[in-house]
Amino acid sequence: MSRDESLAFWIAAPGRGELRHEAMPAPGLEEASVRTLFSGVSRGTESIIFSGHVPTGEYARMRAPFQAGQFPGPVKYGYSNVGQVLRGPAELAGRTVFCLYPHQEQYVVPADALYVLPEAVPAHRAILAANLETALNGMWDSGAGPGDRISVIGGGSVGCLTAWLAARIPGCEVELIDHNPHRAAIAKSLGVKFALPGAASPDADVVLHASGSAEGLSLALRLAAFEATVVELSWYGDRPVTLALGEAFHARRLTLKSSQVGAIGAERRARWNLRRRMALALALLTAPALDVLINSEGRFEELPQTLERLSRAPGDVIMHRVRYR
């Protein structure tokens, strides 16, 4: 492959990925070229997209910032890329950066799309930035405060990061709930309690749901205390979800609230923008404890087979790291 080309991962059709050669333009005056070191696959959203389950009415809203192609395919999709700047503005040259870019060996983007990693954040951990940003948004939307009893349902990357953030609020009792008993060790390393669904603690002040299942959301409603808030962080694609709202939902005056990373909640919108939020997410990644969430790794050349496997049988994988060198 010549220096003017780069390999990129594409979903050729639902359930089938491939690597394609792409032309590499020279960066313009306000652009930078980046060589990828790592990218991340969060098995929730990317598995839905790989399998072709994006609802037709959501094609526009679900576009990644540097997506190419259209759903359901062929499409180049991804949002967790860490690389080194090869050419660009002097203040970026040679720096290690995060970008909301798909899985690709090398690329050119506007310089203002790049986020320089804090010195204490290693490149291999920075792939968690996008999901930590989602968790931050969910915590803001929840309104959780000191002393609250907080339940987080779903031990994937977003759920674990949400529980970790919640445990940093003074006085909070935080419980991570998942049907996989292997998540107990993860929860312990993050400083939170763990419970299987049948043993989850009731009467939570705030419940954050991130399991991506109707059963998990039903459990969230059952665990919520009187006038508590349930925040829905999961995205179901084109799968319908049925809830038993005829039970105690109304009597307990529960609030079911959606949270989506594409917008900042009204309480902060006047002071926070997306760049400030991402900068905070990156700054929080100095914690070595978060490395436990990246529990799978493979070479970029293997990504078509890896995504097929993760969408079909993810096993214990929380976050998969793609290695480019």
C-alpha atoms as a PDB file:
ATOM      1  CA  MET A   1       0.000   0.000   0.000  1.00  0.00           C
ATOM      2  CA  SER A   2       1.344   3.436  -0.942  1.00  0.00           C
ATOM      3  CA  ARG A   3       1.676   6.406   1.429  1.00  0.00           C
ATOM      4  CA  ASP A   4      -1.282   7.963  -0.388  1.00  0.00           C
ATOM      5  CA  GLU A   5      -3.593   5.132   0.715  1.00  0.00           C
ATOM      6  CA  SER A   6      -5.043   3.918   3.993  1.00  0.00           C
ATOM      7  CA  LEU A   7      -6.952   0.804   5.037  1.00  0.00           C
ATOM      8  CA  ALA A   8     -10.393   1.409   6.563  1.00  0.00           C
ATOM      9  CA  PHE A   9     -12.975  -0.927   8.065  1.00  0.00           C
ATOM     10  CA  TRP A  10     -16.375  -0.914   6.334  1.00  0.00           C
ATOM     11  CA  ILE A  11     -19.610  -2.743   7.036  1.00  0.00           C
ATOM     12  CA  ALA A  12     -20.203  -3.984   3.486  1.00  0.00           C
ATOM     13  CA  ALA A  13     -23.662  -5.331   4.349  1.00  0.00           C
ATOM     14  CA  PRO A  14     -25.411  -6.267   7.607  1.00  0.00           C
ATOM     15  CA  GLY A  15     -23.298  -8.900   9.326  1.00  0.00           C
ATOM     16  CA  ARG A  16     -20.325  -8.613   6.966  1.00  0.00           C
ATOM     17  CA  GLY A  17     -17.276  -6.364   7.364  1.00  0.00           C
ATOM     18  CA  GLU A  18     -14.260  -5.812   5.152  1.00  0.00           C
ATOM     19  CA  LEU A  19     -11.112  -3.706   4.889  1.00  0.00           C
ATOM     20  CA  ARG A  20     -10.994  -1.242   1.994  1.00  0.00           C
ATOM     21  CA  HIS A  21      -8.231   0.884   0.513  1.00  0.00           C
ATOM     22  CA  GLU A  22      -8.961   4.619   0.637  1.00  0.00           C
ATOM     23  CA  ALA A  23      -7.124   7.578  -0.857  1.00  0.00           C
ATOM     24  CA  MET A  24      -5.256   9.716   1.660  1.00  0.00           C
ATOM     25  CA  PRO A  25      -5.328  13.417   0.763  1.00  0.00           C
ATOM     26  CA  ALA A  26      -2.686  15.829   1.988  1.00  0.00           C
ATOM     27  CA  PRO A  27      -3.949  17.892   4.951  1.00  0.00           C
ATOM     28  CA  GLY A  28      -5.057  21.436   4.208  1.00  0.00           C
ATOM     29  CA  LEU A  29      -4.131  24.563   6.131  1.00  0.00           C
ATOM     30  CA  GLU A  30      -6.541  23.930   9.032  1.00  0.00           C
ATOM     31  CA  GLU A  31      -6.353  20.128   8.883  1.00  0.00           C
ATOM     32  CA  ALA A  32      -4.186  17.377  10.350  1.00  0.00           C
ATOM     33  CA  SER A  33      -3.246  13.864   9.295  1.00  0.00           C
ATOM     34  CA  VAL A  34      -3.355  11.227  12.024  1.00  0.00           C
ATOM     35  CA  ARG A  35      -1.869   7.741  12.235  1.00  0.00           C
ATOM     36  CA  THR A  36      -4.109   5.518  14.362  1.00  0.00           C
ATOM     37  CA  LEU A  37      -2.594   3.747  17.359  1.00  0.00           C
ATOM     38  CA  PHE A  38      -5.781   2.224  18.840  1.00  0.00           C
ATOM     39  CA  SER A  39      -9.509   2.287  18.264  1.00  0.00           C
ATOM     40  CA  GLY A  40     -12.261   0.926  20.464  1.00  0.00           C
ATOM     41  CA  VAL A  41     -15.310  -1.232  19.851  1.00  0.00           C
ATOM     42  CA  SER A  42     -18.091  -0.859  22.396  1.00  0.00           C
ATOM     43  CA  ARG A  43     -20.121  -3.970  21.683  1.00  0.00           C
ATOM     44  CA  GLY A  44     -23.549  -2.383  22.249  1.00  0.00           C
ATOM     45  CA  THR A  45     -24.059   0.286  19.593  1.00  0.00           C
ATOM     46  CA  GLU A  46     -21.518  -1.056  17.132  1.00  0.00           C
ATOM     47  CA  SER A  47     -23.040  -4.552  17.255  1.00  0.00           C
ATOM     48  CA  ILE A  48     -26.466  -3.104  16.460  1.00  0.00           C
ATOM     49  CA  ILE A  49     -25.033  -1.183  13.520  1.00  0.00           C
ATOM     50  CA  PHE A  50     -22.945  -4.132  12.299  1.00  0.00           C
ATOM     51  CA  SER A  51     -26.068  -6.319  12.323  1.00  0.00           C
ATOM     52  CA  GLY A  52     -28.109  -3.735  10.393  1.00  0.00           C
ATOM     53  CA  HIS A  53     -30.643  -2.938  13.119  1.00  0.00           C
ATOM     54  CA  VAL A  54     -30.690   0.869  12.866  1.00  0.00           C
ATOM     55  CA  PRO A  55     -34.317   2.026  12.425  1.00  0.00           C
ATOM     56  CA  THR A  56     -34.819   3.759   9.067  1.00  0.00           C
ATOM     57  CA  GLY A  57     -36.203   6.842  10.821  1.00  0.00           C
ATOM     58  CA  GLU A  58     -32.972   7.191  12.838  1.00  0.00           C
ATOM     59  CA  TYR A  59     -30.451   7.060   9.971  1.00  0.00           C
ATOM     60  CA  ALA A  60     -29.676  10.784  10.176  1.00  0.00           C
ATOM     61  CA  ARG A  61     -29.523  11.032  13.982  1.00  0.00           C
ATOM     62  CA  MET A  62     -27.293   7.960  14.308  1.00  0.00           C
ATOM     63  CA  ARG A  63     -24.600   9.224  11.944  1.00  0.00           C
ATOM     64  CA  ALA A  64     -21.150   9.277  13.517  1.00  0.00           C
ATOM     65  CA  PRO A  65     -19.220  12.553  13.058  1.00  0.00           C
ATOM     66  CA  PHE A  66     -16.950  11.170  10.292  1.00  0.00           C
ATOM     67  CA  GLN A  67     -19.155   8.384   9.012  1.00  0.00           C
ATOM     68  CA  ALA A  68     -18.999   7.527   5.320  1.00  0.00           C
ATOM     69  CA  GLY A  69     -21.698   5.665   3.431  1.00  0.00           C
ATOM     70  CA  GLN A  70     -25.249   5.040   4.588  1.00  0.00           C
ATOM     71  CA  PHE A  71     -27.066   2.636   6.889  1.00  0.00           C
ATOM     72  CA  PRO A  72     -27.515  -0.279   6.709  1.00  0.00           C
ATOM     73  CA  GLY A  73     -24.436  -0.486   4.440  1.00  0.00           C
ATOM     74  CA  PRO A  74     -21.978  -0.092   2.983  1.00  0.00           C
ATOM     75  CA  VAL A  75     -21.036   2.190   5.853  1.00  0.00           C
ATOM     76  CA  LYS A  76     -17.817   3.211   7.625  1.00  0.00           C
ATOM     77  CA  TYR A  77     -18.734   3.705  11.265  1.00  0.00           C
ATOM     78  CA  GLY A  78     -16.922   4.258  14.561  1.00  0.00           C
ATOM     79  CA  TYR A  79     -16.268   6.937  17.175  1.00  0.00           C
ATOM     80  CA  SER A  80     -13.330   5.949  19.358  1.00  0.00           C
ATOM     81  CA  ASN A  81      -9.963   6.560  17.700  1.00  0.00           C
ATOM     82  CA  VAL A  82      -6.616   7.392  19.313  1.00  0.00           C
ATOM     83  CA  GLY A  83      -3.649   8.308  17.162  1.00  0.00           C
ATOM     84  CA  GLN A  84      -0.568  10.437  16.613  1.00  0.00           C
ATOM     85  CA  VAL A  85      -0.576  13.592  14.504  1.00  0.00           C
ATOM     86  CA  LEU A  86       1.783  13.260  11.528  1.00  0.00           C
ATOM     87  CA  ARG A  87       1.193  16.626   9.865  1.00  0.00           C
ATOM     88  CA  GLY A  88      -0.834  19.643  10.879  1.00  0.00           C
ATOM     89  CA  PRO A  89      -0.722  22.866  12.890  1.00  0.00           C
ATOM     90  CA  ALA A  90       2.501  23.289  14.876  1.00  0.00           C
ATOM     91  CA  GLU A  91       0.737  22.924  18.241  1.00  0.00           C
ATOM     92  CA  LEU A  92      -0.527  19.463  17.234  1.00  0.00           C
ATOM     93  CA  ALA A  93       2.486  18.008  15.430  1.00  0.00           C
ATOM     94  CA  GLY A  94       3.569  14.750  17.052  1.00  0.00           C
ATOM     95  CA  ARG A  95       0.869  14.916  19.749  1.00  0.00           C
ATOM     96  CA  THR A  96      -1.277  11.954  20.766  1.00  0.00           C
ATOM     97  CA  VAL A  97      -4.939  12.758  20.149  1.00  0.00           C
ATOM     98  CA  PHE A  98      -8.457  11.398  20.459  1.00  0.00           C
ATOM     99  CA  CYS A  99     -10.937  11.718  17.603  1.00  0.00           C
ATOM    100  CA  LEU A 100     -14.514  10.569  17.002  1.00  0.00           C
ATOM    101  CA  TYR A 101     -13.330   8.748  13.872  1.00  0.00           C
ATOM    102  CA  PRO A 102     -14.079   5.254  12.501  1.00  0.00           C
ATOM    103  CA  HIS A 103     -11.643   2.338  12.411  1.00  0.00           C
ATOM    104  CA  GLN A 104      -8.960   3.368   9.901  1.00  0.00           C
ATOM    105  CA  GLU A 105      -5.150   3.225   9.769  1.00  0.00           C
ATOM    106  CA  GLN A 106      -4.637   6.879   8.819  1.00  0.00           C
ATOM    107  CA  TYR A 107      -6.949   9.808   8.160  1.00  0.00           C
ATOM    108  CA  VAL A 108      -7.223  13.561   7.642  1.00  0.00           C
ATOM    109  CA  VAL A 109      -9.636  15.715   9.656  1.00  0.00           C
ATOM    110  CA  PRO A 110     -10.110  19.369  10.604  1.00  0.00           C
ATOM    111  CA  ALA A 111      -7.650  20.198  13.368  1.00  0.00           C
ATOM    112  CA  ASP A 112     -10.442  21.302  15.697  1.00  0.00           C
ATOM    113  CA  ALA A 113     -11.880  17.759  15.637  1.00  0.00           C
ATOM    114  CA  LEU A 114      -8.872  16.495  17.597  1.00  0.00           C
ATOM    115  CA  TYR A 115      -8.460  16.396  21.380  1.00  0.00           C
ATOM    116  CA  VAL A 116      -4.927  16.280  22.754  1.00  0.00           C
ATOM    117  CA  LEU A 117      -4.614  13.637  25.459  1.00  0.00           C
ATOM    118  CA  PRO A 118      -3.619  14.859  28.928  1.00  0.00           C
ATOM    119  CA  GLU A 119      -0.068  13.758  29.733  1.00  0.00           C
ATOM    120  CA  ALA A 120      -1.263  11.336  32.428  1.00  0.00           C
ATOM    121  CA  VAL A 121      -3.690   9.522  30.097  1.00  0.00           C
ATOM    122  CA  PRO A 122      -2.083   6.677  28.130  1.00  0.00           C
ATOM    123  CA  ALA A 123      -3.147   6.117  24.529  1.00  0.00           C
ATOM    124  CA  HIS A 124      -4.293   2.559  25.193  1.00  0.00           C
ATOM    125  CA  ARG A 125      -6.856   3.750  27.801  1.00  0.00           C
ATOM    126  CA  ALA A 126      -8.095   6.800  25.886  1.00  0.00           C
ATOM    127  CA  ILE A 127     -10.383   4.642  23.704  1.00  0.00           C
ATOM    128  CA  LEU A 128     -12.810   4.794  26.657  1.00  0.00           C
ATOM    129  CA  ALA A 129     -13.354   8.544  26.162  1.00  0.00           C
ATOM    130  CA  ALA A 130     -16.508   8.362  24.041  1.00  0.00           C
ATOM    131  CA  ASN A 131     -18.260   5.962  26.411  1.00  0.00           C
ATOM    132  CA  LEU A 132     -17.148   7.921  29.462  1.00  0.00           C
ATOM    133  CA  GLU A 133     -18.674  10.990  27.821  1.00  0.00           C
ATOM    134  CA  THR A 134     -21.958   9.057  27.511  1.00  0.00           C
ATOM    135  CA  ALA A 135     -21.756   8.065  31.169  1.00  0.00           C
ATOM    136  CA  LEU A 136     -21.098  11.679  32.188  1.00  0.00           C
ATOM    137  CA  ASN A 137     -24.153  12.831  30.266  1.00  0.00           C
ATOM    138  CA  GLY A 138     -26.244  10.145  31.934  1.00  0.00           C
ATOM    139  CA  MET A 139     -25.113  11.157  35.405  1.00  0.00           C
ATOM    140  CA  TRP A 140     -25.931  14.787  34.679  1.00  0.00           C
ATOM    141  CA  ASP A 141     -29.371  13.804  33.396  1.00  0.00           C
ATOM    142  CA  SER A 142     -30.017  11.682  36.498  1.00  0.00           C
ATOM    143  CA  GLY A 143     -29.679  14.579  38.938  1.00  0.00           C
ATOM    144  CA  ALA A 144     -27.957  12.247  41.422  1.00  0.00           C
ATOM    145  CA  GLY A 145     -26.393  13.933  44.451  1.00  0.00           C
ATOM    146  CA  PRO A 146     -24.471  13.165  47.646  1.00  0.00           C
ATOM    147  CA  GLY A 147     -25.935  10.381  49.753  1.00  0.00           C
ATOM    148  CA  ASP A 148     -28.189   8.908  47.070  1.00  0.00           C
ATOM    149  CA  ARG A 149     -28.762   5.196  46.676  1.00  0.00           C
ATOM    150  CA  ILE A 150     -27.850   4.580  43.026  1.00  0.00           C
ATOM    151  CA  SER A 151     -28.453   1.406  41.038  1.00  0.00           C
ATOM    152  CA  VAL A 152     -26.780   0.877  37.661  1.00  0.00           C
ATOM    153  CA  ILE A 153     -28.173  -1.978  35.583  1.00  0.00           C
ATOM    154  CA  GLY A 154     -25.914  -3.429  32.891  1.00  0.00           C
ATOM    155  CA  GLY A 155     -22.203  -4.145  33.226  1.00  0.00           C
ATOM    156  CA  GLY A 156     -21.100  -3.113  29.765  1.00  0.00           C
ATOM    157  CA  SER A 157     -18.695  -0.243  29.182  1.00  0.00           C
ATOM    158  CA  VAL A 158     -21.269   2.541  29.657  1.00  0.00           C
ATOM    159  CA  GLY A 159     -22.814   0.885  32.706  1.00  0.00           C
ATOM    160  CA  CYS A 160     -19.461   0.260  34.396  1.00  0.00           C
ATOM    161  CA  LEU A 161     -18.264   3.798  33.689  1.00  0.00           C
ATOM    162  CA  THR A 162     -21.539   5.198  35.020  1.00  0.00           C
ATOM    163  CA  ALA A 163     -21.205   3.193  38.241  1.00  0.00           C
ATOM    164  CA  TRP A 164     -17.603   4.348  38.615  1.00  0.00           C
ATOM    165  CA  LEU A 165     -18.637   7.994  38.256  1.00  0.00           C
ATOM    166  CA  ALA A 166     -21.543   7.571  40.679  1.00  0.00           C
ATOM    167  CA  ALA A 167     -19.211   6.077  43.293  1.00  0.00           C
ATOM    168  CA  ARG A 168     -17.140   9.269  43.226  1.00  0.00           C
ATOM    169  CA  ILE A 169     -20.113  11.286  44.605  1.00  0.00           C
ATOM    170  CA  PRO A 170     -19.707  11.628  48.401  1.00  0.00           C
ATOM    171  CA  GLY A 171     -21.905   9.378  50.502  1.00  0.00           C
ATOM    172  CA  CYS A 172     -23.536   7.497  47.625  1.00  0.00           C
ATOM    173  CA  GLU A 173     -24.307   3.786  47.836  1.00  0.00           C
ATOM    174  CA  VAL A 174     -23.756   2.408  44.337  1.00  0.00           C
ATOM    175  CA  GLU A 175     -24.707  -1.060  43.128  1.00  0.00           C
ATOM    176  CA  LEU A 176     -23.852  -2.463  39.705  1.00  0.00           C
ATOM    177  CA  ILE A 177     -26.356  -5.116  38.588  1.00  0.00           C
ATOM    178  CA  ASP A 178     -25.704  -7.662  35.850  1.00  0.00           C
ATOM    179  CA  HIS A 179     -26.724 -11.246  35.068  1.00  0.00           C
ATOM    180  CA  ASN A 180     -23.061 -12.154  34.444  1.00  0.00           C
ATOM    181  CA  PRO A 181     -21.399 -13.100  37.775  1.00  0.00           C
ATOM    182  CA  HIS A 182     -17.968 -12.350  36.267  1.00  0.00           C
ATOM    183  CA  ARG A 183     -18.854  -8.666  36.529  1.00  0.00           C
ATOM    184  CA  ALA A 184     -18.503  -8.907  40.330  1.00  0.00           C
ATOM    185  CA  ALA A 185     -14.725  -8.675  40.109  1.00  0.00           C
ATOM    186  CA  ILE A 186     -15.021  -5.708  37.742  1.00  0.00           C
ATOM    187  CA  ALA A 187     -17.374  -3.933  40.154  1.00  0.00           C
ATOM    188  CA  LYS A 188     -14.990  -4.526  43.062  1.00  0.00           C
ATOM    189  CA  SER A 189     -12.077  -3.043  41.137  1.00  0.00           C
ATOM    190  CA  LEU A 190     -14.206   0.033  40.368  1.00  0.00           C
ATOM    191  CA  GLY A 191     -15.149   0.483  44.030  1.00  0.00           C
ATOM    192  CA  VAL A 192     -18.849  -0.412  43.772  1.00  0.00           C
ATOM    193  CA  LYS A 193     -21.061  -3.210  45.064  1.00  0.00           C
ATOM    194  CA  PHE A 194     -22.333  -5.929  42.725  1.00  0.00           C
ATOM    195  CA  ALA A 195     -25.571  -7.881  42.577  1.00  0.00           C
ATOM    196  CA  LEU A 196     -27.223 -10.379  40.289  1.00  0.00           C
ATOM    197  CA  PRO A 197     -30.705  -9.200  39.175  1.00  0.00           C
ATOM    198  CA  GLY A 198     -32.536 -11.428  41.663  1.00  0.00           C
ATOM    199  CA  ALA A 199     -30.548 -10.040  44.591  1.00  0.00           C
ATOM    200  CA  ALA A 200     -30.535  -6.334  43.655  1.00  0.00           C
ATOM    201  CA  SER A 201     -31.240  -3.811  46.411  1.00  0.00           C
ATOM    202  CA  PRO A 202     -34.674  -2.087  46.281  1.00  0.00           C
ATOM    203  CA  ASP A 203     -35.655   1.532  46.933  1.00  0.00           C
ATOM    204  CA  ALA A 204     -33.024   3.279  44.836  1.00  0.00           C
ATOM    205  CA  ASP A 205     -33.157   7.073  44.630  1.00  0.00           C
ATOM    206  CA  VAL A 206     -31.739   6.930  41.093  1.00  0.00           C
ATOM    207  CA  VAL A 207     -31.597   4.014  38.662  1.00  0.00           C
ATOM    208  CA  LEU A 208     -29.508   4.191  35.499  1.00  0.00           C
ATOM    209  CA  HIS A 209     -30.294   1.483  32.972  1.00  0.00           C
ATOM    210  CA  ALA A 210     -27.644   0.409  30.458  1.00  0.00           C
ATOM    211  CA  SER A 211     -28.275  -3.288  29.822  1.00  0.00           C
ATOM    212  CA  GLY A 212     -29.903  -2.864  26.418  1.00  0.00           C
ATOM    213  CA  SER A 213     -32.669  -5.324  27.373  1.00  0.00           C
ATOM    214  CA  ALA A 214     -36.370  -4.997  28.138  1.00  0.00           C
ATOM    215  CA  GLU A 215     -35.861  -7.189  31.210  1.00  0.00           C
ATOM    216  CA  GLY A 216     -33.250  -4.790  32.535  1.00  0.00           C
ATOM    217  CA  LEU A 217     -35.532  -1.794  32.098  1.00  0.00           C
ATOM    218  CA  SER A 218     -38.389  -3.611  33.837  1.00  0.00           C
ATOM    219  CA  LEU A 219     -36.026  -4.344  36.727  1.00  0.00           C
ATOM    220  CA  ALA A 220     -35.066  -0.663  36.849  1.00  0.00           C
ATOM    221  CA  LEU A 221     -38.699   0.306  37.416  1.00  0.00           C
ATOM    222  CA  ARG A 222     -39.066  -2.301  40.155  1.00  0.00           C
ATOM    223  CA  LEU A 223     -35.964  -1.115  42.020  1.00  0.00           C
ATOM    224  CA  ALA A 224     -36.869   2.585  41.959  1.00  0.00           C
ATOM    225  CA  ALA A 225     -38.175   4.103  45.187  1.00  0.00           C
ATOM    226  CA  PHE A 226     -41.144   6.477  45.495  1.00  0.00           C
ATOM    227  CA  GLU A 227     -40.755   9.448  43.106  1.00  0.00           C
ATOM    228  CA  ALA A 228     -37.331   8.185  41.996  1.00  0.00           C
ATOM    229  CA  THR A 229     -35.809   8.784  38.560  1.00  0.00           C
ATOM    230  CA  VAL A 230     -34.977   6.018  36.087  1.00  0.00           C
ATOM    231  CA  VAL A 231     -32.562   7.126  33.364  1.00  0.00           C
ATOM    232  CA  GLU A 232     -32.516   5.090  30.156  1.00  0.00           C
ATOM    233  CA  LEU A 233     -29.025   4.949  28.651  1.00  0.00           C
ATOM    234  CA  SER A 234     -29.606   1.942  26.392  1.00  0.00           C
ATOM    235  CA  TRP A 235     -30.238   2.151  22.665  1.00  0.00           C
ATOM    236  CA  TYR A 236     -32.312  -0.668  21.226  1.00  0.00           C
ATOM    237  CA  GLY A 237     -32.027  -0.023  17.500  1.00  0.00           C
ATOM    238  CA  ASP A 238     -35.143  -1.336  15.770  1.00  0.00           C
ATOM    239  CA  ARG A 239     -36.124  -3.709  18.597  1.00  0.00           C
ATOM    240  CA  PRO A 240     -39.417  -2.862  20.370  1.00  0.00           C
ATOM    241  CA  VAL A 241     -39.484  -2.775  24.175  1.00  0.00           C
ATOM    242  CA  THR A 242     -42.517  -3.732  26.255  1.00  0.00           C
ATOM    243  CA  LEU A 243     -42.934  -2.414  29.790  1.00  0.00           C
ATOM    244  CA  ALA A 244     -45.492  -3.295  32.471  1.00  0.00           C
ATOM    245  CA  LEU A 245     -46.565   0.266  33.266  1.00  0.00           C
ATOM    246  CA  GLY A 246     -49.788  -1.001  34.814  1.00  0.00           C
ATOM    247  CA  GLU A 247     -47.960  -2.177  37.918  1.00  0.00           C
ATOM    248  CA  ALA A 248     -46.512   0.315  40.452  1.00  0.00           C
ATOM    249  CA  PHE A 249     -45.171   2.809  37.898  1.00  0.00           C
ATOM    250  CA  HIS A 250     -47.932   5.388  38.485  1.00  0.00           C
ATOM    251  CA  ALA A 251     -48.511   4.708  42.173  1.00  0.00           C
ATOM    252  CA  ARG A 252     -44.849   5.318  42.913  1.00  0.00           C
ATOM    253  CA  ARG A 253     -44.828   8.427  40.689  1.00  0.00           C
ATOM    254  CA  LEU A 254     -41.672   7.358  38.865  1.00  0.00           C
ATOM    255  CA  THR A 255     -39.863   9.468  36.272  1.00  0.00           C
ATOM    256  CA  LEU A 256     -38.551   7.582  33.233  1.00  0.00           C
ATOM    257  CA  LYS A 257     -36.034   9.830  31.492  1.00  0.00           C
ATOM    258  CA  SER A 258     -34.045   9.320  28.301  1.00  0.00           C
ATOM    259  CA  SER A 259     -30.396  10.304  28.029  1.00  0.00           C
ATOM    260  CA  GLN A 260     -28.531  10.568  24.731  1.00  0.00           C
ATOM    261  CA  VAL A 261     -24.978  11.779  24.259  1.00  0.00           C
ATOM    262  CA  GLY A 262     -25.780  13.902  21.188  1.00  0.00           C
ATOM    263  CA  ALA A 263     -27.110  16.747  23.353  1.00  0.00           C
ATOM    264  CA  ILE A 264     -26.267  18.201  26.762  1.00  0.00           C
ATOM    265  CA  GLY A 265     -29.159  18.492  29.217  1.00  0.00           C
ATOM    266  CA  ALA A 266     -30.942  21.818  29.584  1.00  0.00           C
ATOM    267  CA  GLU A 267     -29.511  22.459  33.066  1.00  0.00           C
ATOM    268  CA  ARG A 268     -25.960  22.724  31.665  1.00  0.00           C
ATOM    269  CA  ARG A 269     -26.482  23.605  28.022  1.00  0.00           C
ATOM    270  CA  ALA A 270     -25.893  27.343  28.492  1.00  0.00           C
ATOM    271  CA  ARG A 271     -22.429  26.769  29.986  1.00  0.00           C
ATOM    272  CA  TRP A 272     -21.235  23.453  28.569  1.00  0.00           C
ATOM    273  CA  ASN A 273     -20.546  22.530  24.959  1.00  0.00           C
ATOM    274  CA  LEU A 274     -19.490  19.196  23.455  1.00  0.00           C
ATOM    275  CA  ARG A 275     -15.810  20.134  23.443  1.00  0.00           C
ATOM    276  CA  ARG A 276     -15.778  21.021  27.149  1.00  0.00           C
ATOM    277  CA  ARG A 277     -17.584  17.762  27.961  1.00  0.00           C
ATOM    278  CA  MET A 278     -15.086  15.661  25.985  1.00  0.00           C
ATOM    279  CA  ALA A 279     -12.177  17.469  27.644  1.00  0.00           C
ATOM    280  CA  LEU A 280     -13.608  16.486  31.028  1.00  0.00           C
ATOM    281  CA  ALA A 281     -14.033  12.853  29.939  1.00  0.00           C
ATOM    282  CA  LEU A 282     -10.397  12.699  28.842  1.00  0.00           C
ATOM    283  CA  ALA A 283      -9.195  14.311  32.078  1.00  0.00           C
ATOM    284  CA  LEU A 284     -11.022  11.651  34.109  1.00  0.00           C
ATOM    285  CA  LEU A 285      -9.209   8.849  32.276  1.00  0.00           C
ATOM    286  CA  THR A 286      -6.120   9.279  34.441  1.00  0.00           C
ATOM    287  CA  ALA A 287      -7.527   6.510  36.684  1.00  0.00           C
ATOM    288  CA  PRO A 288      -5.632   3.215  36.115  1.00  0.00           C
ATOM    289  CA  ALA A 289      -8.590   1.276  37.576  1.00  0.00           C
ATOM    290  CA  LEU A 290     -10.452   1.818  34.304  1.00  0.00           C
ATOM    291  CA  ASP A 291      -8.034  -0.428  32.409  1.00  0.00           C
ATOM    292  CA  VAL A 292     -10.046  -3.410  33.657  1.00  0.00           C
ATOM    293  CA  LEU A 293     -12.863  -2.450  31.261  1.00  0.00           C
ATOM    294  CA  ILE A 294     -10.677  -3.068  28.196  1.00  0.00           C
ATOM    295  CA  ASN A 295     -10.715  -6.844  28.411  1.00  0.00           C
ATOM    296  CA  SER A 296     -10.281  -7.828  24.774  1.00  0.00           C
ATOM    297  CA  GLU A 297      -7.754  -6.856  22.112  1.00  0.00           C
ATOM    298  CA  GLY A 298      -6.954  -7.771  18.526  1.00  0.00           C
ATOM    299  CA  ARG A 299      -5.181  -6.559  15.422  1.00  0.00           C
ATOM    300  CA  PHE A 300      -6.871  -4.180  12.984  1.00  0.00           C
ATOM    301  CA  GLU A 301      -6.522  -6.759  10.213  1.00  0.00           C
ATOM    302  CA  GLU A 302      -8.771  -9.087  12.220  1.00  0.00           C
ATOM    303  CA  LEU A 303     -11.573  -6.544  12.760  1.00  0.00           C
ATOM    304  CA  PRO A 304     -14.055  -7.968  10.195  1.00  0.00           C
ATOM    305  CA  GLN A 305     -13.987 -11.336  11.977  1.00  0.00           C
ATOM    306  CA  THR A 306     -13.884  -9.714  15.424  1.00  0.00           C
ATOM    307  CA  LEU A 307     -17.036  -7.638  14.893  1.00  0.00           C
ATOM    308  CA  GLU A 308     -18.875 -10.623  13.465  1.00  0.00           C
ATOM    309  CA  ARG A 309     -18.001 -12.576  16.614  1.00  0.00           C
ATOM    310  CA  LEU A 310     -18.849  -9.731  19.024  1.00  0.00           C
ATOM    311  CA  SER A 311     -22.237  -9.117  17.404  1.00  0.00           C
ATOM    312  CA  ARG A 312     -23.097 -12.824  17.593  1.00  0.00           C
ATOM    313  CA  ALA A 313     -21.524 -14.014  20.868  1.00  0.00           C
ATOM    314  CA  PRO A 314     -19.774 -11.264  22.860  1.00  0.00           C
ATOM    315  CA  GLY A 315     -19.096 -13.459  25.885  1.00  0.00           C
ATOM    316  CA  ASP A 316     -17.446 -11.464  28.679  1.00  0.00           C
ATOM    317  CA  VAL A 317     -16.140  -8.674  26.444  1.00  0.00           C
ATOM    318  CA  ILE A 318     -16.773  -5.160  27.766  1.00  0.00           C
ATOM    319  CA  MET A 319     -14.561  -3.034  25.499  1.00  0.00           C
ATOM    320  CA  HIS A 320     -12.502  -4.420  22.636  1.00  0.00           C
ATOM    321  CA  ARG A 321      -9.311  -2.567  21.762  1.00  0.00           C
ATOM    322  CA  VAL A 322      -8.117  -2.602  18.162  1.00  0.00           C
ATOM    323  CA  ARG A 323      -4.324  -2.451  17.868  1.00  0.00           C
ATOM    324  CA  TYR A 324      -2.799  -0.916  14.721  1.00  0.00           C
ATOM    325  CA  ARG A 325       0.918  -1.414  15.360  1.00  0.00           C
END
